[in-house]
Every structure is written in C-alpha cells, then in structure tokens.
Amino acid sequence: QIQVVESGGGLVQPGGSLRLSCEVSGSFSSEWTMYWYRQAPGNQRERVAYITGSGSTGYLYSVEGRFTISRDNSKRMVYLQMNSLKCEDTAVYYCVARGTFWGQGTQVTVSS
C-alpha cells in the first residue's frame, strides 16, 4: 500500500517563502517521476512541477524561477521550495507519486 503525505503548508505574506514536504511510504522507487499539483477554488488542477528519477525538472511557467522541486530518495521525500510567493499561488498543493498515487493535499494561503 503506497501512501503519500504532504506537509508544510500554511499562511504566508506575499513575498514570503514556504517549503512543502512529501513523504512516500510503502513501495517506492527512485526511478519514479514525482509531481506537485495545485488546485485553487474554482480553478482546474494544474501541474506545478515534476522531477524525474534522474533529477530532470520541469515547472509551470508562472512559478519558473520562484519554485524549486527536489528529492531525497534515501528518505523517500520530495520537496517544493516556494519563494517570492504571490496571492495567486494560494491553493491546495498535492504531491503525486508516479503520476498515480495522490496525497491528501496541504493548504497554502498567501495573503497580507
């Protein structure tokens, strides 16, 4: 049974930073591509970032240069460092393992 658990969300002011963490338990492979998605109220879910098993990364155009995805396979962890946060980054953020296994999400609210 694979479980994906996100943490690290919260309330932050515009311009601030947060680091989201994602822990995978159960079966795990360092070759899996890992993803971060987000969904804001009334909006479609969108893919924020991904990281392949070899470490290649990709980002949503609106977060490029502000967000960084990383992974620590020995700990079965994936991270999303979010800097220079904007109000429009407010959403529930989800970690997805192998494109298949979703976590429950963590709320990120950017507001003054």
PDB file of N, CA and C in Angstrom:
ATOM      1  N   GLN A   1       0.839  -1.182   0.000  1.00  0.00           N
ATOM      2  CA  GLN A   1       0.000   0.000   0.000  1.00  0.00           C
ATOM      3  C   GLN A   1       0.878   1.238   0.000  1.00  0.00           C
ATOM      4  N   ILE A   2       0.740   2.058  -1.023  1.00  0.00           N
ATOM      5  CA  ILE A   2       1.529   3.279  -1.135  1.00  0.00           C
ATOM      6  C   ILE A   2       0.744   4.425  -0.548  1.00  0.00           C
ATOM      7  N   GLN A   3       1.382   5.178   0.327  1.00  0.00           N
ATOM      8  CA  GLN A   3       0.766   6.370   0.895  1.00  0.00           C
ATOM      9  C   GLN A   3       1.642   7.568   0.631  1.00  0.00           C
ATOM     10  N   VAL A   4       0.995   8.673   0.321  1.00  0.00           N
ATOM     11  CA  VAL A   4       1.687   9.924   0.047  1.00  0.00           C
ATOM     12  C   VAL A   4       1.142  10.970   1.017  1.00  0.00           C
ATOM     13  N   VAL A   5       2.018  11.592   1.761  1.00  0.00           N
ATOM     14  CA  VAL A   5       1.590  12.553   2.770  1.00  0.00           C
ATOM     15  C   VAL A   5       2.359  13.857   2.600  1.00  0.00           C
ATOM     16  N   GLU A   6       1.612  14.949   2.405  1.00  0.00           N
ATOM     17  CA  GLU A   6       2.213  16.264   2.266  1.00  0.00           C
ATOM     18  C   GLU A   6       2.196  16.993   3.610  1.00  0.00           C
ATOM     19  N   SER A   7       3.104  17.913   3.760  1.00  0.00           N
ATOM     20  CA  SER A   7       3.129  18.779   4.938  1.00  0.00           C
ATOM     21  C   SER A   7       3.833  20.073   4.575  1.00  0.00           C
ATOM     22  N   GLY A   8       3.713  21.055   5.462  1.00  0.00           N
ATOM     23  CA  GLY A   8       4.447  22.294   5.267  1.00  0.00           C
ATOM     24  C   GLY A   8       3.627  23.475   4.790  1.00  0.00           C
ATOM     25  N   GLY A   9       2.354  23.256   4.515  1.00  0.00           N
ATOM     26  CA  GLY A   9       1.514  24.365   4.081  1.00  0.00           C
ATOM     27  C   GLY A   9       1.241  25.327   5.224  1.00  0.00           C
ATOM     28  N   GLY A  10       0.625  26.447   4.883  1.00  0.00           N
ATOM     29  CA  GLY A  10       0.293  27.422   5.906  1.00  0.00           C
ATOM     30  C   GLY A  10      -0.033  28.769   5.305  1.00  0.00           C
ATOM     31  N   LEU A  11      -0.084  29.761   6.174  1.00  0.00           N
ATOM     32  CA  LEU A  11      -0.377  31.138   5.774  1.00  0.00           C
ATOM     33  C   LEU A  11       0.921  31.927   5.714  1.00  0.00           C
ATOM     34  N   VAL A  12       1.132  32.626   4.633  1.00  0.00           N
ATOM     35  CA  VAL A  12       2.346  33.414   4.459  1.00  0.00           C
ATOM     36  C   VAL A  12       1.993  34.702   3.732  1.00  0.00           C
ATOM     37  N   GLN A  13       2.742  35.743   4.014  1.00  0.00           N
ATOM     38  CA  GLN A  13       2.527  37.016   3.346  1.00  0.00           C
ATOM     39  C   GLN A  13       3.114  37.004   1.944  1.00  0.00           C
ATOM     40  N   PRO A  14       2.595  37.839   1.073  1.00  0.00           N
ATOM     41  CA  PRO A  14       3.187  37.955  -0.272  1.00  0.00           C
ATOM     42  C   PRO A  14       4.675  38.268  -0.168  1.00  0.00           C
ATOM     43  N   GLY A  15       5.449  37.607  -1.006  1.00  0.00           N
ATOM     44  CA  GLY A  15       6.889  37.765  -0.965  1.00  0.00           C
ATOM     45  C   GLY A  15       7.588  36.782  -0.054  1.00  0.00           C
ATOM     46  N   GLY A  16       6.823  36.068   0.733  1.00  0.00           N
ATOM     47  CA  GLY A  16       7.397  35.108   1.676  1.00  0.00           C
ATOM     48  C   GLY A  16       7.722  33.779   1.036  1.00  0.00           C
ATOM     49  N   SER A  17       8.171  32.846   1.876  1.00  0.00           N
ATOM     50  CA  SER A  17       8.589  31.527   1.402  1.00  0.00           C
ATOM     51  C   SER A  17       7.951  30.433   2.242  1.00  0.00           C
ATOM     52  N   LEU A  18       7.793  29.294   1.622  1.00  0.00           N
ATOM     53  CA  LEU A  18       7.361  28.082   2.294  1.00  0.00           C
ATOM     54  C   LEU A  18       8.074  26.907   1.634  1.00  0.00           C
ATOM     55  N   ARG A  19       8.287  25.852   2.417  1.00  0.00           N
ATOM     56  CA  ARG A  19       8.799  24.615   1.841  1.00  0.00           C
ATOM     57  C   ARG A  19       7.809  23.500   2.132  1.00  0.00           C
ATOM     58  N   LEU A  20       7.284  22.913   1.084  1.00  0.00           N
ATOM     59  CA  LEU A  20       6.394  21.768   1.210  1.00  0.00           C
ATOM     60  C   LEU A  20       7.211  20.488   1.184  1.00  0.00           C
ATOM     61  N   SER A  21       6.770  19.527   1.966  1.00  0.00           N
ATOM     62  CA  SER A  21       7.413  18.218   2.004  1.00  0.00           C
ATOM     63  C   SER A  21       6.402  17.138   1.642  1.00  0.00           C
ATOM     64  N   CYS A  22       6.912  16.077   1.050  1.00  0.00           N
ATOM     65  CA  CYS A  22       6.078  14.953   0.658  1.00  0.00           C
ATOM     66  C   CYS A  22       6.818  13.676   1.020  1.00  0.00           C
ATOM     67  N   GLU A  23       6.165  12.837   1.789  1.00  0.00           N
ATOM     68  CA  GLU A  23       6.766  11.573   2.191  1.00  0.00           C
ATOM     69  C   GLU A  23       5.972  10.426   1.585  1.00  0.00           C
ATOM     70  N   VAL A  24       6.701   9.483   1.000  1.00  0.00           N
ATOM     71  CA  VAL A  24       6.079   8.303   0.398  1.00  0.00           C
ATOM     72  C   VAL A  24       6.398   7.092   1.260  1.00  0.00           C
ATOM     73  N   SER A  25       5.364   6.378   1.649  1.00  0.00           N
ATOM     74  CA  SER A  25       5.563   5.153   2.416  1.00  0.00           C
ATOM     75  C   SER A  25       5.029   3.960   1.625  1.00  0.00           C
ATOM     76  N   GLY A  26       5.494   2.796   2.005  1.00  0.00           N
ATOM     77  CA  GLY A  26       5.128   1.610   1.243  1.00  0.00           C
ATOM     78  C   GLY A  26       6.126   1.418   0.121  1.00  0.00           C
ATOM     79  N   SER A  27       5.672   0.955  -1.009  1.00  0.00           N
ATOM     80  CA  SER A  27       6.558   0.740  -2.135  1.00  0.00           C
ATOM     81  C   SER A  27       7.046   2.078  -2.683  1.00  0.00           C
ATOM     82  N   PHE A  28       8.303   2.129  -3.074  1.00  0.00           N
ATOM     83  CA  PHE A  28       8.870   3.370  -3.618  1.00  0.00           C
ATOM     84  C   PHE A  28      10.043   3.015  -4.499  1.00  0.00           C
ATOM     85  N   SER A  29      10.183   3.753  -5.594  1.00  0.00           N
ATOM     86  CA  SER A  29      11.326   3.571  -6.473  1.00  0.00           C
ATOM     87  C   SER A  29      11.958   4.915  -6.766  1.00  0.00           C
ATOM     88  N   SER A  30      13.271   4.952  -6.708  1.00  0.00           N
ATOM     89  CA  SER A  30      13.977   6.193  -7.023  1.00  0.00           C
ATOM     90  C   SER A  30      13.829   6.561  -8.492  1.00  0.00           C
ATOM     91  N   GLU A  31      13.300   5.644  -9.298  1.00  0.00           N
ATOM     92  CA  GLU A  31      13.103   5.923 -10.713  1.00  0.00           C
ATOM     93  C   GLU A  31      11.775   6.615 -10.991  1.00  0.00           C
ATOM     94  N   TRP A  32      10.911   6.657 -10.014  1.00  0.00           N
ATOM     95  CA  TRP A  32       9.618   7.280 -10.236  1.00  0.00           C
ATOM     96  C   TRP A  32       9.758   8.770 -10.481  1.00  0.00           C
ATOM     97  N   THR A  33       8.964   9.279 -11.393  1.00  0.00           N
ATOM     98  CA  THR A  33       8.815  10.710 -11.523  1.00  0.00           C
ATOM     99  C   THR A  33       7.820  11.177 -10.450  1.00  0.00           C
ATOM    100  N   MET A  34       8.164  12.241  -9.769  1.00  0.00           N
ATOM    101  CA  MET A  34       7.314  12.788  -8.717  1.00  0.00           C
ATOM    102  C   MET A  34       6.805  14.161  -9.146  1.00  0.00           C
ATOM    103  N   TYR A  35       5.597  14.480  -8.737  1.00  0.00           N
ATOM    104  CA  TYR A  35       4.931  15.696  -9.174  1.00  0.00           C
ATOM    105  C   TYR A  35       4.364  16.478  -7.984  1.00  0.00           C
ATOM    106  N   TRP A  36       4.259  17.772  -8.205  1.00  0.00           N
ATOM    107  CA  TRP A  36       3.448  18.635  -7.362  1.00  0.00           C
ATOM    108  C   TRP A  36       2.368  19.264  -8.257  1.00  0.00           C
ATOM    109  N   TYR A  37       1.131  19.154  -7.796  1.00  0.00           N
ATOM    110  CA  TYR A  37      -0.002  19.802  -8.436  1.00  0.00           C
ATOM    111  C   TYR A  37      -0.617  20.780  -7.447  1.00  0.00           C
ATOM    112  N   ARG A  38      -1.460  21.657  -7.956  1.00  0.00           N
ATOM    113  CA  ARG A  38      -2.215  22.526  -7.075  1.00  0.00           C
ATOM    114  C   ARG A  38      -3.594  22.797  -7.667  1.00  0.00           C
ATOM    115  N   GLN A  39      -4.516  23.145  -6.776  1.00  0.00           N
ATOM    116  CA  GLN A  39      -5.860  23.496  -7.211  1.00  0.00           C
ATOM    117  C   GLN A  39      -6.396  24.600  -6.319  1.00  0.00           C
ATOM    118  N   ALA A  40      -6.732  25.704  -6.948  1.00  0.00           N
ATOM    119  CA  ALA A  40      -7.342  26.825  -6.250  1.00  0.00           C
ATOM    120  C   ALA A  40      -8.857  26.734  -6.417  1.00  0.00           C
ATOM    121  N   PRO A  41      -9.617  27.309  -5.499  1.00  0.00           N
ATOM    122  CA  PRO A  41     -11.089  27.272  -5.592  1.00  0.00           C
ATOM    123  C   PRO A  41     -11.569  27.810  -6.936  1.00  0.00           C
ATOM    124  N   GLY A  42     -12.406  27.050  -7.602  1.00  0.00           N
ATOM    125  CA  GLY A  42     -12.967  27.488  -8.869  1.00  0.00           C
ATOM    126  C   GLY A  42     -12.050  27.306 -10.055  1.00  0.00           C
ATOM    127  N   ASN A  43     -10.844  26.818  -9.808  1.00  0.00           N
ATOM    128  CA  ASN A  43      -9.876  26.618 -10.897  1.00  0.00           C
ATOM    129  C   ASN A  43      -9.631  25.141 -11.157  1.00  0.00           C
ATOM    130  N   GLN A  44      -9.136  24.858 -12.334  1.00  0.00           N
ATOM    131  CA  GLN A  44      -8.748  23.487 -12.637  1.00  0.00           C
ATOM    132  C   GLN A  44      -7.425  23.157 -11.944  1.00  0.00           C
ATOM    133  N   ARG A  45      -7.260  21.878 -11.684  1.00  0.00           N
ATOM    134  CA  ARG A  45      -5.999  21.439 -11.109  1.00  0.00           C
ATOM    135  C   ARG A  45      -4.892  21.640 -12.138  1.00  0.00           C
ATOM    136  N   GLU A  46      -3.732  22.108 -11.686  1.00  0.00           N
ATOM    137  CA  GLU A  46      -2.624  22.324 -12.608  1.00  0.00           C
ATOM    138  C   GLU A  46      -1.343  21.735 -12.047  1.00  0.00           C
ATOM    139  N   ARG A  47      -0.505  21.284 -12.961  1.00  0.00           N
ATOM    140  CA  ARG A  47       0.770  20.693 -12.557  1.00  0.00           C
ATOM    141  C   ARG A  47       1.774  21.812 -12.319  1.00  0.00           C
ATOM    142  N   VAL A  48       2.332  21.845 -11.143  1.00  0.00           N
ATOM    143  CA  VAL A  48       3.250  22.902 -10.748  1.00  0.00           C
ATOM    144  C   VAL A  48       4.698  22.546 -11.094  1.00  0.00           C
ATOM    145  N   ALA A  49       5.090  21.321 -10.802  1.00  0.00           N
ATOM    146  CA  ALA A  49       6.477  20.920 -11.021  1.00  0.00           C
ATOM    147  C   ALA A  49       6.572  19.403 -11.043  1.00  0.00           C
ATOM    148  N   TYR A  50       7.649  18.929 -11.663  1.00  0.00           N
ATOM    149  CA  TYR A  50       7.937  17.496 -11.634  1.00  0.00           C
ATOM    150  C   TYR A  50       9.443  17.296 -11.540  1.00  0.00           C
ATOM    151  N   ILE A  51       9.809  16.118 -11.066  1.00  0.00           N
ATOM    152  CA  ILE A  51      11.221  15.734 -11.027  1.00  0.00           C
ATOM    153  C   ILE A  51      11.307  14.260 -11.382  1.00  0.00           C
ATOM    154  N   THR A  52      12.146  13.939 -12.339  1.00  0.00           N
ATOM    155  CA  THR A  52      12.299  12.560 -12.779  1.00  0.00           C
ATOM    156  C   THR A  52      13.273  11.823 -11.873  1.00  0.00           C
ATOM    157  N   GLY A  53      13.389  10.525 -12.100  1.00  0.00           N
ATOM    158  CA  GLY A  53      14.324   9.729 -11.328  1.00  0.00           C
ATOM    159  C   GLY A  53      15.770  10.150 -11.532  1.00  0.00           C
ATOM    160  N   SER A  54      16.070  10.689 -12.699  1.00  0.00           N
ATOM    161  CA  SER A  54      17.430  11.147 -12.989  1.00  0.00           C
ATOM    162  C   SER A  54      17.665  12.579 -12.545  1.00  0.00           C
ATOM    163  N   GLY A  55      16.621  13.230 -12.020  1.00  0.00           N
ATOM    164  CA  GLY A  55      16.777  14.572 -11.487  1.00  0.00           C
ATOM    165  C   GLY A  55      16.390  15.698 -12.430  1.00  0.00           C
ATOM    166  N   SER A  56      15.905  15.359 -13.607  1.00  0.00           N
ATOM    167  CA  SER A  56      15.417  16.403 -14.504  1.00  0.00           C
ATOM    168  C   SER A  56      14.143  17.018 -13.926  1.00  0.00           C
ATOM    169  N   THR A  57      14.008  18.317 -14.111  1.00  0.00           N
ATOM    170  CA  THR A  57      12.865  19.022 -13.539  1.00  0.00           C
ATOM    171  C   THR A  57      12.127  19.835 -14.591  1.00  0.00           C
ATOM    172  N   GLY A  58      10.892  20.149 -14.279  1.00  0.00           N
ATOM    173  CA  GLY A  58      10.087  21.000 -15.134  1.00  0.00           C
ATOM    174  C   GLY A  58       9.107  21.778 -14.282  1.00  0.00           C
ATOM    175  N   TYR A  59       8.740  22.961 -14.744  1.00  0.00           N
ATOM    176  CA  TYR A  59       7.897  23.842 -13.938  1.00  0.00           C
ATOM    177  C   TYR A  59       6.792  24.496 -14.762  1.00  0.00           C
ATOM    178  N   LEU A  60       5.707  24.790 -14.078  1.00  0.00           N
ATOM    179  CA  LEU A  60       4.658  25.635 -14.635  1.00  0.00           C
ATOM    180  C   LEU A  60       5.282  26.993 -14.907  1.00  0.00           C
ATOM    181  N   TYR A  61       4.915  27.601 -16.036  1.00  0.00           N
ATOM    182  CA  TYR A  61       5.573  28.840 -16.436  1.00  0.00           C
ATOM    183  C   TYR A  61       5.454  29.926 -15.368  1.00  0.00           C
ATOM    184  N   SER A  62       4.334  29.945 -14.641  1.00  0.00           N
ATOM    185  CA  SER A  62       4.105  31.033 -13.685  1.00  0.00           C
ATOM    186  C   SER A  62       4.901  30.884 -12.392  1.00  0.00           C
ATOM    187  N   VAL A  63       5.523  29.717 -12.183  1.00  0.00           N
ATOM    188  CA  VAL A  63       6.335  29.538 -10.972  1.00  0.00           C
ATOM    189  C   VAL A  63       7.812  29.403 -11.291  1.00  0.00           C
ATOM    190  N   GLU A  64       8.144  29.347 -12.577  1.00  0.00           N
ATOM    191  CA  GLU A  64       9.535  29.214 -13.004  1.00  0.00           C
ATOM    192  C   GLU A  64      10.389  30.320 -12.377  1.00  0.00           C
ATOM    193  N   GLY A  65      11.499  29.918 -11.772  1.00  0.00           N
ATOM    194  CA  GLY A  65      12.390  30.879 -11.145  1.00  0.00           C
ATOM    195  C   GLY A  65      12.047  31.199  -9.701  1.00  0.00           C
ATOM    196  N   ARG A  66      10.859  30.787  -9.252  1.00  0.00           N
ATOM    197  CA  ARG A  66      10.459  31.040  -7.867  1.00  0.00           C
ATOM    198  C   ARG A  66      10.352  29.739  -7.060  1.00  0.00           C
ATOM    199  N   PHE A  67       9.964  28.673  -7.718  1.00  0.00           N
ATOM    200  CA  PHE A  67       9.783  27.380  -7.047  1.00  0.00           C
ATOM    201  C   PHE A  67      10.910  26.431  -7.464  1.00  0.00           C
ATOM    202  N   THR A  68      11.291  25.565  -6.537  1.00  0.00           N
ATOM    203  CA  THR A  68      12.301  24.550  -6.828  1.00  0.00           C
ATOM    204  C   THR A  68      11.847  23.210  -6.252  1.00  0.00           C
ATOM    205  N   ILE A  69      11.817  22.201  -7.110  1.00  0.00           N
ATOM    206  CA  ILE A  69      11.478  20.858  -6.665  1.00  0.00           C
ATOM    207  C   ILE A  69      12.759  20.066  -6.463  1.00  0.00           C
ATOM    208  N   SER A  70      12.768  19.235  -5.441  1.00  0.00           N
ATOM    209  CA  SER A  70      13.940  18.398  -5.181  1.00  0.00           C
ATOM    210  C   SER A  70      13.473  17.100  -4.535  1.00  0.00           C
ATOM    211  N   ARG A  71      14.397  16.148  -4.440  1.00  0.00           N
ATOM    212  CA  ARG A  71      14.032  14.862  -3.845  1.00  0.00           C
ATOM    213  C   ARG A  71      15.206  14.285  -3.076  1.00  0.00           C
ATOM    214  N   ASP A  72      14.870  13.483  -2.083  1.00  0.00           N
ATOM    215  CA  ASP A  72      15.872  12.735  -1.325  1.00  0.00           C
ATOM    216  C   ASP A  72      15.383  11.293  -1.310  1.00  0.00           C
ATOM    217  N   ASN A  73      15.906  10.496  -2.230  1.00  0.00           N
ATOM    218  CA  ASN A  73      15.405   9.135  -2.378  1.00  0.00           C
ATOM    219  C   ASN A  73      15.672   8.279  -1.143  1.00  0.00           C
ATOM    220  N   SER A  74      16.751   8.545  -0.458  1.00  0.00           N
ATOM    221  CA  SER A  74      17.074   7.748   0.729  1.00  0.00           C
ATOM    222  C   SER A  74      16.024   7.925   1.824  1.00  0.00           C
ATOM    223  N   LYS A  75      15.388   9.074   1.818  1.00  0.00           N
ATOM    224  CA  LYS A  75      14.345   9.361   2.820  1.00  0.00           C
ATOM    225  C   LYS A  75      12.944   9.235   2.234  1.00  0.00           C
ATOM    226  N   ARG A  76      12.866   8.947   0.942  1.00  0.00           N
ATOM    227  CA  ARG A  76      11.572   8.860   0.255  1.00  0.00           C
ATOM    228  C   ARG A  76      10.822  10.183   0.354  1.00  0.00           C
ATOM    229  N   MET A  77      11.542  11.254   0.195  1.00  0.00           N
ATOM    230  CA  MET A  77      10.969  12.581   0.348  1.00  0.00           C
ATOM    231  C   MET A  77      11.102  13.382  -0.939  1.00  0.00           C
ATOM    232  N   VAL A  78      10.112  14.223  -1.167  1.00  0.00           N
ATOM    233  CA  VAL A  78      10.137  15.190  -2.255  1.00  0.00           C
ATOM    234  C   VAL A  78       9.779  16.543  -1.643  1.00  0.00           C
ATOM    235  N   TYR A  79      10.431  17.586  -2.137  1.00  0.00           N
ATOM    236  CA  TYR A  79      10.233  18.914  -1.567  1.00  0.00           C
ATOM    237  C   TYR A  79       9.844  19.902  -2.660  1.00  0.00           C
ATOM    238  N   LEU A  80       9.150  20.938  -2.230  1.00  0.00           N
ATOM    239  CA  LEU A  80       8.867  22.058  -3.117  1.00  0.00           C
ATOM    240  C   LEU A  80       9.179  23.333  -2.346  1.00  0.00           C
ATOM    241  N   GLN A  81      10.302  23.949  -2.696  1.00  0.00           N
ATOM    242  CA  GLN A  81      10.677  25.223  -2.102  1.00  0.00           C
ATOM    243  C   GLN A  81       9.998  26.336  -2.882  1.00  0.00           C
ATOM    244  N   MET A  82       9.219  27.131  -2.195  1.00  0.00           N
ATOM    245  CA  MET A  82       8.445  28.184  -2.849  1.00  0.00           C
ATOM    246  C   MET A  82       8.900  29.541  -2.298  1.00  0.00           C
ATOM    247  N   ASN A  83       9.454  30.350  -3.166  1.00  0.00           N
ATOM    248  CA  ASN A  83       9.931  31.676  -2.790  1.00  0.00           C
ATOM    249  C   ASN A  83       9.137  32.746  -3.531  1.00  0.00           C
ATOM    250  N   SER A  84       9.236  33.963  -3.037  1.00  0.00           N
ATOM    251  CA  SER A  84       8.555  35.100  -3.677  1.00  0.00           C
ATOM    252  C   SER A  84       7.093  34.780  -3.945  1.00  0.00           C
ATOM    253  N   LEU A  85       6.436  34.259  -2.945  1.00  0.00           N
ATOM    254  CA  LEU A  85       5.058  33.818  -3.115  1.00  0.00           C
ATOM    255  C   LEU A  85       4.129  34.977  -3.428  1.00  0.00           C
ATOM    256  N   LYS A  86       3.139  34.673  -4.247  1.00  0.00           N
ATOM    257  CA  LYS A  86       2.145  35.645  -4.663  1.00  0.00           C
ATOM    258  C   LYS A  86       0.763  35.170  -4.223  1.00  0.00           C
ATOM    259  N   CYS A  87      -0.167  36.099  -4.159  1.00  0.00           N
ATOM    260  CA  CYS A  87      -1.527  35.736  -3.761  1.00  0.00           C
ATOM    261  C   CYS A  87      -2.120  34.665  -4.672  1.00  0.00           C
ATOM    262  N   GLU A  88      -1.738  34.723  -5.930  1.00  0.00           N
ATOM    263  CA  GLU A  88      -2.277  33.750  -6.882  1.00  0.00           C
ATOM    264  C   GLU A  88      -1.684  32.359  -6.719  1.00  0.00           C
ATOM    265  N   ASP A  89      -0.722  32.200  -5.837  1.00  0.00           N
ATOM    266  CA  ASP A  89      -0.200  30.866  -5.514  1.00  0.00           C
ATOM    267  C   ASP A  89      -1.067  30.155  -4.477  1.00  0.00           C
ATOM    268  N   THR A  90      -2.039  30.853  -3.942  1.00  0.00           N
ATOM    269  CA  THR A  90      -2.941  30.253  -2.965  1.00  0.00           C
ATOM    270  C   THR A  90      -3.690  29.080  -3.577  1.00  0.00           C
ATOM    271  N   ALA A  91      -3.585  27.924  -2.934  1.00  0.00           N
ATOM    272  CA  ALA A  91      -4.207  26.700  -3.468  1.00  0.00           C
ATOM    273  C   ALA A  91      -3.945  25.558  -2.497  1.00  0.00           C
ATOM    274  N   VAL A  92      -4.609  24.443  -2.752  1.00  0.00           N
ATOM    275  CA  VAL A  92      -4.241  23.195  -2.107  1.00  0.00           C
ATOM    276  C   VAL A  92      -3.188  22.537  -2.989  1.00  0.00           C
ATOM    277  N   TYR A  93      -2.074  22.172  -2.400  1.00  0.00           N
ATOM    278  CA  TYR A  93      -0.969  21.564  -3.123  1.00  0.00           C
ATOM    279  C   TYR A  93      -0.933  20.061  -2.855  1.00  0.00           C
ATOM    280  N   TYR A  94      -0.801  19.311  -3.944  1.00  0.00           N
ATOM    281  CA  TYR A  94      -0.813  17.858  -3.863  1.00  0.00           C
ATOM    282  C   TYR A  94       0.500  17.283  -4.386  1.00  0.00           C
ATOM    283  N   CYS A  95       0.984  16.276  -3.701  1.00  0.00           N
ATOM    284  CA  CYS A  95       2.132  15.510  -4.171  1.00  0.00           C
ATOM    285  C   CYS A  95       1.602  14.246  -4.844  1.00  0.00           C
ATOM    286  N   VAL A  96       2.208  13.890  -5.957  1.00  0.00           N
ATOM    287  CA  VAL A  96       1.754  12.719  -6.700  1.00  0.00           C
ATOM    288  C   VAL A  96       2.956  11.841  -7.019  1.00  0.00           C
ATOM    289  N   ALA A  97       2.860  10.601  -6.632  1.00  0.00           N
ATOM    290  CA  ALA A  97       3.935   9.656  -6.893  1.00  0.00           C
ATOM    291  C   ALA A  97       3.632   8.869  -8.159  1.00  0.00           C
ATOM    292  N   ARG A  98       4.581   8.897  -9.066  1.00  0.00           N
ATOM    293  CA  ARG A  98       4.489   8.112 -10.298  1.00  0.00           C
ATOM    294  C   ARG A  98       3.274   8.480 -11.133  1.00  0.00           C
ATOM    295  N   GLY A  99       2.716   9.646 -10.861  1.00  0.00           N
ATOM    296  CA  GLY A  99       1.544  10.093 -11.608  1.00  0.00           C
ATOM    297  C   GLY A  99       0.275   9.381 -11.236  1.00  0.00           C
ATOM    298  N   THR A 100       0.356   8.553 -10.197  1.00  0.00           N
ATOM    299  CA  THR A 100      -0.757   7.675  -9.869  1.00  0.00           C
ATOM    300  C   THR A 100      -1.267   7.841  -8.444  1.00  0.00           C
ATOM    301  N   PHE A 101      -0.346   7.979  -7.515  1.00  0.00           N
ATOM    302  CA  PHE A 101      -0.710   7.974  -6.096  1.00  0.00           C
ATOM    303  C   PHE A 101      -0.691   9.397  -5.554  1.00  0.00           C
ATOM    304  N   TRP A 102      -1.865   9.847  -5.120  1.00  0.00           N
ATOM    305  CA  TRP A 102      -2.046  11.222  -4.680  1.00  0.00           C
ATOM    306  C   TRP A 102      -2.090  11.310  -3.157  1.00  0.00           C
ATOM    307  N   GLY A 103      -1.524  12.404  -2.642  1.00  0.00           N
ATOM    308  CA  GLY A 103      -1.683  12.703  -1.239  1.00  0.00           C
ATOM    309  C   GLY A 103      -2.991  13.439  -1.000  1.00  0.00           C
ATOM    310  N   GLN A 104      -3.216  13.786   0.258  1.00  0.00           N
ATOM    311  CA  GLN A 104      -4.477  14.434   0.629  1.00  0.00           C
ATOM    312  C   GLN A 104      -4.430  15.937   0.403  1.00  0.00           C
ATOM    313  N   GLY A 105      -3.241  16.466   0.186  1.00  0.00           N
ATOM    314  CA  GLY A 105      -3.083  17.892  -0.073  1.00  0.00           C
ATOM    315  C   GLY A 105      -2.756  18.693   1.171  1.00  0.00           C
ATOM    316  N   THR A 106      -2.104  19.828   0.948  1.00  0.00           N
ATOM    317  CA  THR A 106      -1.795  20.760   2.026  1.00  0.00           C
ATOM    318  C   THR A 106      -2.130  22.169   1.542  1.00  0.00           C
ATOM    319  N   GLN A 107      -2.789  22.932   2.404  1.00  0.00           N
ATOM    320  CA  GLN A 107      -3.264  24.262   2.014  1.00  0.00           C
ATOM    321  C   GLN A 107      -2.137  25.285   2.103  1.00  0.00           C
ATOM    322  N   VAL A 108      -1.995  26.050   1.056  1.00  0.00           N
ATOM    323  CA  VAL A 108      -1.076  27.191   1.044  1.00  0.00           C
ATOM    324  C   VAL A 108      -1.909  28.439   0.803  1.00  0.00           C
ATOM    325  N   THR A 109      -1.815  29.384   1.722  1.00  0.00           N
ATOM    326  CA  THR A 109      -2.550  30.637   1.600  1.00  0.00           C
ATOM    327  C   THR A 109      -1.569  31.791   1.648  1.00  0.00           C
ATOM    328  N   VAL A 110      -1.575  32.593   0.598  1.00  0.00           N
ATOM    329  CA  VAL A 110      -0.695  33.760   0.520  1.00  0.00           C
ATOM    330  C   VAL A 110      -1.577  34.996   0.608  1.00  0.00           C
ATOM    331  N   SER A 111      -1.435  35.703   1.704  1.00  0.00           N
ATOM    332  CA  SER A 111      -2.308  36.844   1.949  1.00  0.00           C
ATOM    333  C   SER A 111      -1.662  37.800   2.934  1.00  0.00           C
ATOM    334  N   SER A 112      -1.947  39.078   2.753  1.00  0.00           N
ATOM    335  CA  SER A 112      -1.458  40.077   3.708  1.00  0.00           C
ATOM    336  C   SER A 112      -2.498  40.330   4.788  1.00  0.00           C
TER     337      SER A 112
END
